[in-house]
Amino acid sequence: MELEMYQVDAFASRLFAGNPAAVVPLQQWLDAGLMQKIAMENNLSETAFFVNEGEHYAIRWFTPEYEIDLCGHGTLASAYIIKKFLSLEASQVNFSTQEAGLLKVGVEAEVYTLNFPSRMPEACEVPEHLLESLGVTNAEAVLRSRDFFVVLPNEEALRACAPDYSIMKELPAIGVIVTARGDSADVVSRCFYPGAGIPEDPVTGSAHCNIVPYWSGELGKPQLICHQLSPRGGVLNCELRGDRVLMSGGCVLFSKGIIYI
């Protein structure tokens, strides 16, 4: 069996920036165990698989360790591949998912806009080792949605985080989002998922489903420029629109190849 596979730098305007995702278009679903092995072999933060189901594409995402419920950059990269190679005239690509409902990606002048569900984080008890795992001693707030959500005093404190992944992997959550008011943008963040085989994620669309509603309320405005301060870095132009979060960015194709199975 031969499968086409693409690697795309998502939320990027140039190569070697943003978040790389592998994209595998399928005629029909593979066994989940095989998709997991492909993702493990790729060793990227996510490998996205999709199947054309007529009016929409069914999509699934795998980290090197397990299947995940929602992935922004993998969805952005998949829409880019569909627009570039499969449906050249499309101005919107719709995806159905197993857990996150219908996802829409608008396309206009090489800008791709995700339309994702808002996931407002809620107050929670602070796990004993959470702050220690980040290398910080204080936080302005600790909340949780799917991931722990830690608000720090400023951008400087966020840049100074020195995570201990061995401690963080033991926390009872998929990952940890750390965020603050920005100097370089309205909002800055870093995101860590060591339990999923991703120590620091370069650019995390799903995390902004939390970040945008939280900071929209704190800053009193629906439109935000968000900067993820990973080594590769990424800028997302975001908007809270009712119970949805819009996130816009570009994509750059890195490679196209064949998987032989």
C-alpha atoms as a PDB file:
ATOM      1  CA  MET A   1       0.000   0.000   0.000  1.00  0.00           C
ATOM      2  CA  GLU A   2       1.220   3.500  -0.878  1.00  0.00           C
ATOM      3  CA  LEU A   3      -0.079   6.660   0.797  1.00  0.00           C
ATOM      4  CA  GLU A   4       0.644  10.267  -0.100  1.00  0.00           C
ATOM      5  CA  MET A   5       1.895  12.388   2.783  1.00  0.00           C
ATOM      6  CA  TYR A   6       2.607  16.096   3.015  1.00  0.00           C
ATOM      7  CA  GLN A   7       4.468  18.093   5.648  1.00  0.00           C
ATOM      8  CA  VAL A   8       3.245  21.651   6.159  1.00  0.00           C
ATOM      9  CA  ASP A   9       4.465  24.481   8.365  1.00  0.00           C
ATOM     10  CA  ALA A  10       1.179  25.880   9.727  1.00  0.00           C
ATOM     11  CA  PHE A  11       0.629  29.337  11.225  1.00  0.00           C
ATOM     12  CA  ALA A  12       3.688  30.392   9.239  1.00  0.00           C
ATOM     13  CA  SER A  13       4.597  32.708   6.362  1.00  0.00           C
ATOM     14  CA  ARG A  14       7.988  31.072   5.729  1.00  0.00           C
ATOM     15  CA  LEU A  15       9.601  27.674   6.066  1.00  0.00           C
ATOM     16  CA  PHE A  16      10.974  26.523   9.424  1.00  0.00           C
ATOM     17  CA  ALA A  17       8.489  28.649  11.371  1.00  0.00           C
ATOM     18  CA  GLY A  18       5.078  27.947  12.859  1.00  0.00           C
ATOM     19  CA  ASN A  19       4.124  24.359  13.677  1.00  0.00           C
ATOM     20  CA  PRO A  20       4.938  21.464  11.328  1.00  0.00           C
ATOM     21  CA  ALA A  21       2.187  18.917  10.720  1.00  0.00           C
ATOM     22  CA  ALA A  22       2.062  15.798   8.579  1.00  0.00           C
ATOM     23  CA  VAL A  23      -1.082  15.400   6.475  1.00  0.00           C
ATOM     24  CA  VAL A  24      -2.207  12.055   5.018  1.00  0.00           C
ATOM     25  CA  PRO A  25      -5.242  12.077   2.686  1.00  0.00           C
ATOM     26  CA  LEU A  26      -7.084   8.742   2.692  1.00  0.00           C
ATOM     27  CA  GLN A  27      -9.684   7.059   0.508  1.00  0.00           C
ATOM     28  CA  GLN A  28     -10.965   5.197   3.573  1.00  0.00           C
ATOM     29  CA  TRP A  29      -9.933   4.940   7.203  1.00  0.00           C
ATOM     30  CA  LEU A  30      -6.945   2.881   8.190  1.00  0.00           C
ATOM     31  CA  ASP A  31      -6.851   0.882  11.397  1.00  0.00           C
ATOM     32  CA  ALA A  32      -6.272   3.270  14.308  1.00  0.00           C
ATOM     33  CA  GLY A  33      -3.209   1.311  15.374  1.00  0.00           C
ATOM     34  CA  LEU A  34      -1.617   1.808  11.956  1.00  0.00           C
ATOM     35  CA  MET A  35      -2.363   5.551  11.995  1.00  0.00           C
ATOM     36  CA  GLN A  36      -0.737   5.718  15.418  1.00  0.00           C
ATOM     37  CA  LYS A  37       2.369   3.960  14.103  1.00  0.00           C
ATOM     38  CA  ILE A  38       2.617   6.436  11.216  1.00  0.00           C
ATOM     39  CA  ALA A  39       2.355   9.351  13.659  1.00  0.00           C
ATOM     40  CA  MET A  40       5.000   7.775  15.880  1.00  0.00           C
ATOM     41  CA  GLU A  41       7.306   7.312  12.873  1.00  0.00           C
ATOM     42  CA  ASN A  42       6.793  10.953  11.818  1.00  0.00           C
ATOM     43  CA  ASN A  43       7.531  12.154  15.380  1.00  0.00           C
ATOM     44  CA  LEU A  44       5.844  15.504  14.756  1.00  0.00           C
ATOM     45  CA  SER A  45       3.465  17.050  17.252  1.00  0.00           C
ATOM     46  CA  GLU A  46       0.549  15.884  15.092  1.00  0.00           C
ATOM     47  CA  THR A  47      -0.154  13.811  12.025  1.00  0.00           C
ATOM     48  CA  ALA A  48      -3.585  14.531  10.522  1.00  0.00           C
ATOM     49  CA  PHE A  49      -5.580  11.995   8.484  1.00  0.00           C
ATOM     50  CA  PHE A  50      -8.722  12.884   6.546  1.00  0.00           C
ATOM     51  CA  VAL A  51     -11.312  11.145   4.359  1.00  0.00           C
ATOM     52  CA  ASN A  52     -13.534  12.917   1.829  1.00  0.00           C
ATOM     53  CA  GLU A  53     -17.170  12.311   2.805  1.00  0.00           C
ATOM     54  CA  GLY A  54     -18.810  14.564   0.209  1.00  0.00           C
ATOM     55  CA  GLU A  55     -19.892  17.851   1.783  1.00  0.00           C
ATOM     56  CA  HIS A  56     -17.146  17.633   4.379  1.00  0.00           C
ATOM     57  CA  TYR A  57     -13.953  15.822   5.275  1.00  0.00           C
ATOM     58  CA  ALA A  58     -13.760  13.613   8.346  1.00  0.00           C
ATOM     59  CA  ILE A  59     -10.505  14.343  10.182  1.00  0.00           C
ATOM     60  CA  ARG A  60      -8.493  12.694  12.978  1.00  0.00           C
ATOM     61  CA  TRP A  61      -5.226  13.738  14.610  1.00  0.00           C
ATOM     62  CA  PHE A  62      -2.506  11.663  16.265  1.00  0.00           C
ATOM     63  CA  THR A  63       0.410  12.761  18.418  1.00  0.00           C
ATOM     64  CA  PRO A  64       3.405  10.384  18.624  1.00  0.00           C
ATOM     65  CA  GLU A  65       1.733   8.882  21.720  1.00  0.00           C
ATOM     66  CA  TYR A  66      -2.048   8.851  21.154  1.00  0.00           C
ATOM     67  CA  GLU A  67      -5.058  10.213  19.255  1.00  0.00           C
ATOM     68  CA  ILE A  68      -6.110  13.702  20.363  1.00  0.00           C
ATOM     69  CA  ASP A  69      -9.549  15.329  20.412  1.00  0.00           C
ATOM     70  CA  LEU A  70      -8.715  18.662  18.722  1.00  0.00           C
ATOM     71  CA  CYS A  71      -5.735  20.067  16.820  1.00  0.00           C
ATOM     72  CA  GLY A  72      -5.586  23.518  15.269  1.00  0.00           C
ATOM     73  CA  HIS A  73      -2.421  23.442  13.192  1.00  0.00           C
ATOM     74  CA  GLY A  74      -3.165  19.959  11.845  1.00  0.00           C
ATOM     75  CA  THR A  75      -6.582  21.179  10.693  1.00  0.00           C
ATOM     76  CA  LEU A  76      -5.080  24.319   9.145  1.00  0.00           C
ATOM     77  CA  ALA A  77      -2.483  22.209   7.314  1.00  0.00           C
ATOM     78  CA  SER A  78      -5.161  19.773   6.083  1.00  0.00           C
ATOM     79  CA  ALA A  79      -7.293  22.612   4.702  1.00  0.00           C
ATOM     80  CA  TYR A  80      -4.202  23.958   2.941  1.00  0.00           C
ATOM     81  CA  ILE A  81      -3.544  20.587   1.254  1.00  0.00           C
ATOM     82  CA  ILE A  82      -7.195  20.257   0.208  1.00  0.00           C
ATOM     83  CA  LYS A  83      -7.196  23.766  -1.267  1.00  0.00           C
ATOM     84  CA  LYS A  84      -3.822  23.376  -2.997  1.00  0.00           C
ATOM     85  CA  PHE A  85      -4.177  19.861  -4.406  1.00  0.00           C
ATOM     86  CA  LEU A  86      -7.736  18.522  -4.154  1.00  0.00           C
ATOM     87  CA  SER A  87     -10.304  21.333  -4.379  1.00  0.00           C
ATOM     88  CA  LEU A  88      -8.651  24.351  -5.963  1.00  0.00           C
ATOM     89  CA  GLU A  89     -11.807  26.497  -6.065  1.00  0.00           C
ATOM     90  CA  ALA A  90     -12.803  25.973  -2.428  1.00  0.00           C
ATOM     91  CA  SER A  91     -13.283  29.102  -0.310  1.00  0.00           C
ATOM     92  CA  GLN A  92     -14.200  27.053   2.770  1.00  0.00           C
ATOM     93  CA  VAL A  93     -13.302  23.560   3.913  1.00  0.00           C
ATOM     94  CA  ASN A  94     -15.545  21.778   6.417  1.00  0.00           C
ATOM     95  CA  PHE A  95     -14.322  19.010   8.723  1.00  0.00           C
ATOM     96  CA  SER A  96     -16.324  16.607  10.851  1.00  0.00           C
ATOM     97  CA  THR A  97     -14.689  15.292  14.017  1.00  0.00           C
ATOM     98  CA  GLN A  98     -15.322  12.592  16.581  1.00  0.00           C
ATOM     99  CA  GLU A  99     -15.430  14.912  19.620  1.00  0.00           C
ATOM    100  CA  ALA A 100     -15.127  18.587  18.611  1.00  0.00           C
ATOM    101  CA  GLY A 101     -18.131  18.898  16.297  1.00  0.00           C
ATOM    102  CA  LEU A 102     -18.015  20.614  12.906  1.00  0.00           C
ATOM    103  CA  LEU A 103     -14.888  22.651  12.182  1.00  0.00           C
ATOM    104  CA  LYS A 104     -14.738  25.195   9.366  1.00  0.00           C
ATOM    105  CA  VAL A 105     -11.693  26.696   7.676  1.00  0.00           C
ATOM    106  CA  GLY A 106     -12.185  29.772   5.493  1.00  0.00           C
ATOM    107  CA  VAL A 107      -9.676  30.531   2.758  1.00  0.00           C
ATOM    108  CA  GLU A 108      -8.992  34.006   1.394  1.00  0.00           C
ATOM    109  CA  ALA A 109      -5.814  35.232  -0.325  1.00  0.00           C
ATOM    110  CA  GLU A 110      -3.574  32.533   1.189  1.00  0.00           C
ATOM    111  CA  VAL A 111      -4.915  33.232   4.696  1.00  0.00           C
ATOM    112  CA  TYR A 112      -6.616  30.302   6.423  1.00  0.00           C
ATOM    113  CA  THR A 113      -9.111  30.999   9.222  1.00  0.00           C
ATOM    114  CA  LEU A 114     -10.089  28.279  11.672  1.00  0.00           C
ATOM    115  CA  ASN A 115     -13.572  28.413  13.182  1.00  0.00           C
ATOM    116  CA  PHE A 116     -13.272  26.385  16.403  1.00  0.00           C
ATOM    117  CA  PRO A 117     -15.362  25.957  19.573  1.00  0.00           C
ATOM    118  CA  SER A 118     -14.625  28.309  22.456  1.00  0.00           C
ATOM    119  CA  ARG A 119     -13.472  26.469  25.596  1.00  0.00           C
ATOM    120  CA  MET A 120     -13.438  28.894  28.498  1.00  0.00           C
ATOM    121  CA  PRO A 121     -11.169  27.528  31.240  1.00  0.00           C
ATOM    122  CA  GLU A 122     -12.635  27.302  34.729  1.00  0.00           C
ATOM    123  CA  ALA A 123     -11.139  27.681  38.204  1.00  0.00           C
ATOM    124  CA  CYS A 124      -9.680  24.503  39.653  1.00  0.00           C
ATOM    125  CA  GLU A 125      -7.648  23.233  42.562  1.00  0.00           C
ATOM    126  CA  VAL A 126      -3.945  23.771  41.959  1.00  0.00           C
ATOM    127  CA  PRO A 127      -2.086  20.448  41.681  1.00  0.00           C
ATOM    128  CA  GLU A 128       0.769  20.174  44.123  1.00  0.00           C
ATOM    129  CA  HIS A 129       3.557  20.160  41.548  1.00  0.00           C
ATOM    130  CA  LEU A 130       2.078  22.308  38.770  1.00  0.00           C
ATOM    131  CA  LEU A 131       4.033  25.518  39.413  1.00  0.00           C
ATOM    132  CA  GLU A 132       7.157  23.541  40.223  1.00  0.00           C
ATOM    133  CA  SER A 133       6.881  21.808  36.840  1.00  0.00           C
ATOM    134  CA  LEU A 134       6.980  25.242  35.173  1.00  0.00           C
ATOM    135  CA  GLY A 135       9.883  26.559  37.217  1.00  0.00           C
ATOM    136  CA  VAL A 136       7.757  29.421  38.609  1.00  0.00           C
ATOM    137  CA  THR A 137       6.818  30.365  42.166  1.00  0.00           C
ATOM    138  CA  ASN A 138       3.687  32.431  41.614  1.00  0.00           C
ATOM    139  CA  ALA A 139       0.745  32.686  39.243  1.00  0.00           C
ATOM    140  CA  GLU A 140      -2.057  35.216  38.918  1.00  0.00           C
ATOM    141  CA  ALA A 141      -4.585  32.462  38.187  1.00  0.00           C
ATOM    142  CA  VAL A 142      -4.757  28.709  37.668  1.00  0.00           C
ATOM    143  CA  LEU A 143      -7.675  27.303  35.690  1.00  0.00           C
ATOM    144  CA  ARG A 144      -8.449  24.266  33.602  1.00  0.00           C
ATOM    145  CA  SER A 145     -10.268  23.150  30.496  1.00  0.00           C
ATOM    146  CA  ARG A 146      -8.762  20.085  28.810  1.00  0.00           C
ATOM    147  CA  ASP A 147      -5.318  21.395  29.875  1.00  0.00           C
ATOM    148  CA  PHE A 148      -4.163  23.289  32.938  1.00  0.00           C
ATOM    149  CA  PHE A 149      -4.196  27.029  32.233  1.00  0.00           C
ATOM    150  CA  VAL A 150      -1.698  29.158  34.170  1.00  0.00           C
ATOM    151  CA  VAL A 151      -1.724  32.956  34.011  1.00  0.00           C
ATOM    152  CA  LEU A 152       1.587  34.665  34.792  1.00  0.00           C
ATOM    153  CA  PRO A 153       2.170  38.343  35.673  1.00  0.00           C
ATOM    154  CA  ASN A 154       3.856  39.414  32.421  1.00  0.00           C
ATOM    155  CA  GLU A 155       5.652  38.371  29.251  1.00  0.00           C
ATOM    156  CA  GLU A 156       9.044  38.375  30.949  1.00  0.00           C
ATOM    157  CA  ALA A 157       7.864  35.798  33.492  1.00  0.00           C
ATOM    158  CA  LEU A 158       6.470  33.641  30.717  1.00  0.00           C
ATOM    159  CA  ARG A 159       9.721  33.729  28.730  1.00  0.00           C
ATOM    160  CA  ALA A 160      11.609  32.765  31.905  1.00  0.00           C
ATOM    161  CA  CYS A 161       9.633  29.531  32.447  1.00  0.00           C
ATOM    162  CA  ALA A 162      12.009  26.592  32.761  1.00  0.00           C
ATOM    163  CA  PRO A 163       9.774  23.508  32.638  1.00  0.00           C
ATOM    164  CA  ASP A 164      10.703  20.194  34.212  1.00  0.00           C
ATOM    165  CA  TYR A 165       9.051  17.706  31.882  1.00  0.00           C
ATOM    166  CA  SER A 166       9.619  14.734  34.144  1.00  0.00           C
ATOM    167  CA  ILE A 167       7.388  16.407  36.768  1.00  0.00           C
ATOM    168  CA  MET A 168       4.911  17.757  34.224  1.00  0.00           C
ATOM    169  CA  LYS A 169       4.285  14.321  32.701  1.00  0.00           C
ATOM    170  CA  GLU A 170       2.847  13.192  36.041  1.00  0.00           C
ATOM    171  CA  LEU A 171       0.195  15.929  36.201  1.00  0.00           C
ATOM    172  CA  PRO A 172      -3.437  14.816  35.699  1.00  0.00           C
ATOM    173  CA  ALA A 173      -3.973  16.599  32.368  1.00  0.00           C
ATOM    174  CA  ILE A 174      -2.899  16.308  28.742  1.00  0.00           C
ATOM    175  CA  GLY A 175      -0.847  19.501  28.920  1.00  0.00           C
ATOM    176  CA  VAL A 176      -0.168  22.911  30.413  1.00  0.00           C
ATOM    177  CA  ILE A 177      -0.929  26.279  28.797  1.00  0.00           C
ATOM    178  CA  VAL A 178       0.979  29.244  30.224  1.00  0.00           C
ATOM    179  CA  THR A 179      -0.116  32.727  29.228  1.00  0.00           C
ATOM    180  CA  ALA A 180       0.237  36.426  30.057  1.00  0.00           C
ATOM    181  CA  ARG A 181      -0.542  39.895  28.773  1.00  0.00           C
ATOM    182  CA  GLY A 182       1.954  40.609  26.042  1.00  0.00           C
ATOM    183  CA  ASP A 183       4.505  43.245  25.183  1.00  0.00           C
ATOM    184  CA  SER A 184       5.073  41.840  21.678  1.00  0.00           C
ATOM    185  CA  ALA A 185       1.327  41.190  21.117  1.00  0.00           C
ATOM    186  CA  ASP A 186      -1.967  41.480  23.005  1.00  0.00           C
ATOM    187  CA  VAL A 187      -1.440  38.032  24.492  1.00  0.00           C
ATOM    188  CA  VAL A 188       1.533  35.673  24.726  1.00  0.00           C
ATOM    189  CA  SER A 189       1.653  31.989  25.554  1.00  0.00           C
ATOM    190  CA  ARG A 190       3.679  28.802  25.708  1.00  0.00           C
ATOM    191  CA  CYS A 191       2.235  25.275  25.625  1.00  0.00           C
ATOM    192  CA  PHE A 192       3.689  22.021  26.935  1.00  0.00           C
ATOM    193  CA  TYR A 193       2.492  18.436  26.263  1.00  0.00           C
ATOM    194  CA  PRO A 194       5.266  16.071  27.407  1.00  0.00           C
ATOM    195  CA  GLY A 195       2.783  13.289  28.156  1.00  0.00           C
ATOM    196  CA  ALA A 196       1.839  13.304  24.470  1.00  0.00           C
ATOM    197  CA  GLY A 197       5.458  13.231  23.348  1.00  0.00           C
ATOM    198  CA  ILE A 198       5.534  17.003  22.704  1.00  0.00           C
ATOM    199  CA  PRO A 199       7.736  18.846  25.234  1.00  0.00           C
ATOM    200  CA  GLU A 200       6.970  22.376  23.940  1.00  0.00           C
ATOM    201  CA  ASP A 201       4.484  22.730  21.105  1.00  0.00           C
ATOM    202  CA  PRO A 202       5.533  25.392  18.553  1.00  0.00           C
ATOM    203  CA  VAL A 203       2.042  26.840  17.843  1.00  0.00           C
ATOM    204  CA  THR A 204      -1.125  25.411  19.395  1.00  0.00           C
ATOM    205  CA  GLY A 205      -4.463  26.256  17.800  1.00  0.00           C
ATOM    206  CA  SER A 206      -6.478  24.200  20.300  1.00  0.00           C
ATOM    207  CA  ALA A 207      -4.913  26.105  23.221  1.00  0.00           C
ATOM    208  CA  HIS A 208      -6.256  29.353  21.768  1.00  0.00           C
ATOM    209  CA  CYS A 209      -9.764  27.979  22.183  1.00  0.00           C
ATOM    210  CA  ASN A 210      -8.983  28.660  25.884  1.00  0.00           C
ATOM    211  CA  ILE A 211      -6.677  31.653  25.533  1.00  0.00           C
ATOM    212  CA  VAL A 212      -8.968  33.790  23.387  1.00  0.00           C
ATOM    213  CA  PRO A 213     -12.168  33.680  25.509  1.00  0.00           C
ATOM    214  CA  TYR A 214     -10.159  34.204  28.715  1.00  0.00           C
ATOM    215  CA  TRP A 215      -8.186  37.217  27.481  1.00  0.00           C
ATOM    216  CA  SER A 216     -11.085  38.660  25.516  1.00  0.00           C
ATOM    217  CA  GLY A 217     -12.886  38.985  28.854  1.00  0.00           C
ATOM    218  CA  GLU A 218      -9.820  40.267  30.714  1.00  0.00           C
ATOM    219  CA  LEU A 219      -8.884  42.853  28.059  1.00  0.00           C
ATOM    220  CA  GLY A 220     -12.436  43.765  27.085  1.00  0.00           C
ATOM    221  CA  LYS A 221     -12.109  43.227  23.341  1.00  0.00           C
ATOM    222  CA  PRO A 222     -13.025  40.397  20.963  1.00  0.00           C
ATOM    223  CA  GLN A 223     -10.070  40.698  18.558  1.00  0.00           C
ATOM    224  CA  LEU A 224      -6.608  39.708  19.765  1.00  0.00           C
ATOM    225  CA  ILE A 225      -3.149  39.303  18.302  1.00  0.00           C
ATOM    226  CA  CYS A 226      -1.651  36.269  20.010  1.00  0.00           C
ATOM    227  CA  HIS A 227       2.038  35.376  19.970  1.00  0.00           C
ATOM    228  CA  GLN A 228       3.179  31.886  20.977  1.00  0.00           C
ATOM    229  CA  LEU A 229       6.726  32.219  22.279  1.00  0.00           C
ATOM    230  CA  SER A 230       8.170  28.830  21.357  1.00  0.00           C
ATOM    231  CA  PRO A 231      11.596  28.716  19.680  1.00  0.00           C
ATOM    232  CA  ARG A 232       9.927  28.484  16.235  1.00  0.00           C
ATOM    233  CA  GLY A 233       7.286  31.019  17.230  1.00  0.00           C
ATOM    234  CA  GLY A 234       3.933  31.824  15.717  1.00  0.00           C
ATOM    235  CA  VAL A 235       1.431  34.687  15.466  1.00  0.00           C
ATOM    236  CA  LEU A 236      -2.312  34.070  15.389  1.00  0.00           C
ATOM    237  CA  ASN A 237      -4.870  36.746  14.547  1.00  0.00           C
ATOM    238  CA  CYS A 238      -7.825  35.738  16.706  1.00  0.00           C
ATOM    239  CA  GLU A 239     -11.409  36.774  17.337  1.00  0.00           C
ATOM    240  CA  LEU A 240     -14.016  35.617  19.832  1.00  0.00           C
ATOM    241  CA  ARG A 241     -17.354  35.431  18.017  1.00  0.00           C
ATOM    242  CA  GLY A 242     -20.080  34.147  20.318  1.00  0.00           C
ATOM    243  CA  ASP A 243     -19.224  30.576  21.283  1.00  0.00           C
ATOM    244  CA  ARG A 244     -16.646  30.255  18.498  1.00  0.00           C
ATOM    245  CA  VAL A 245     -12.993  31.250  18.199  1.00  0.00           C
ATOM    246  CA  LEU A 246     -11.573  32.384  14.858  1.00  0.00           C
ATOM    247  CA  MET A 247      -7.824  31.942  14.311  1.00  0.00           C
ATOM    248  CA  SER A 248      -6.063  33.042  11.133  1.00  0.00           C
ATOM    249  CA  GLY A 249      -2.654  32.249   9.715  1.00  0.00           C
ATOM    250  CA  GLY A 250      -0.726  31.060   6.688  1.00  0.00           C
ATOM    251  CA  CYS A 251       0.782  27.735   5.604  1.00  0.00           C
ATOM    252  CA  VAL A 252       3.952  26.762   3.749  1.00  0.00           C
ATOM    253  CA  LEU A 253       4.532  23.387   2.095  1.00  0.00           C
ATOM    254  CA  PHE A 254       7.774  21.718   3.206  1.00  0.00           C
ATOM    255  CA  SER A 255       7.587  18.312   1.537  1.00  0.00           C
ATOM    256  CA  LYS A 256       5.477  15.803  -0.359  1.00  0.00           C
ATOM    257  CA  GLY A 257       6.223  12.086  -0.321  1.00  0.00           C
ATOM    258  CA  ILE A 258       4.981   8.509  -0.330  1.00  0.00           C
ATOM    259  CA  ILE A 259       4.525   6.182   2.638  1.00  0.00           C
ATOM    260  CA  TYR A 260       5.147   2.525   1.741  1.00  0.00           C
ATOM    261  CA  ILE A 261       3.283   0.061   3.957  1.00  0.00           C
END
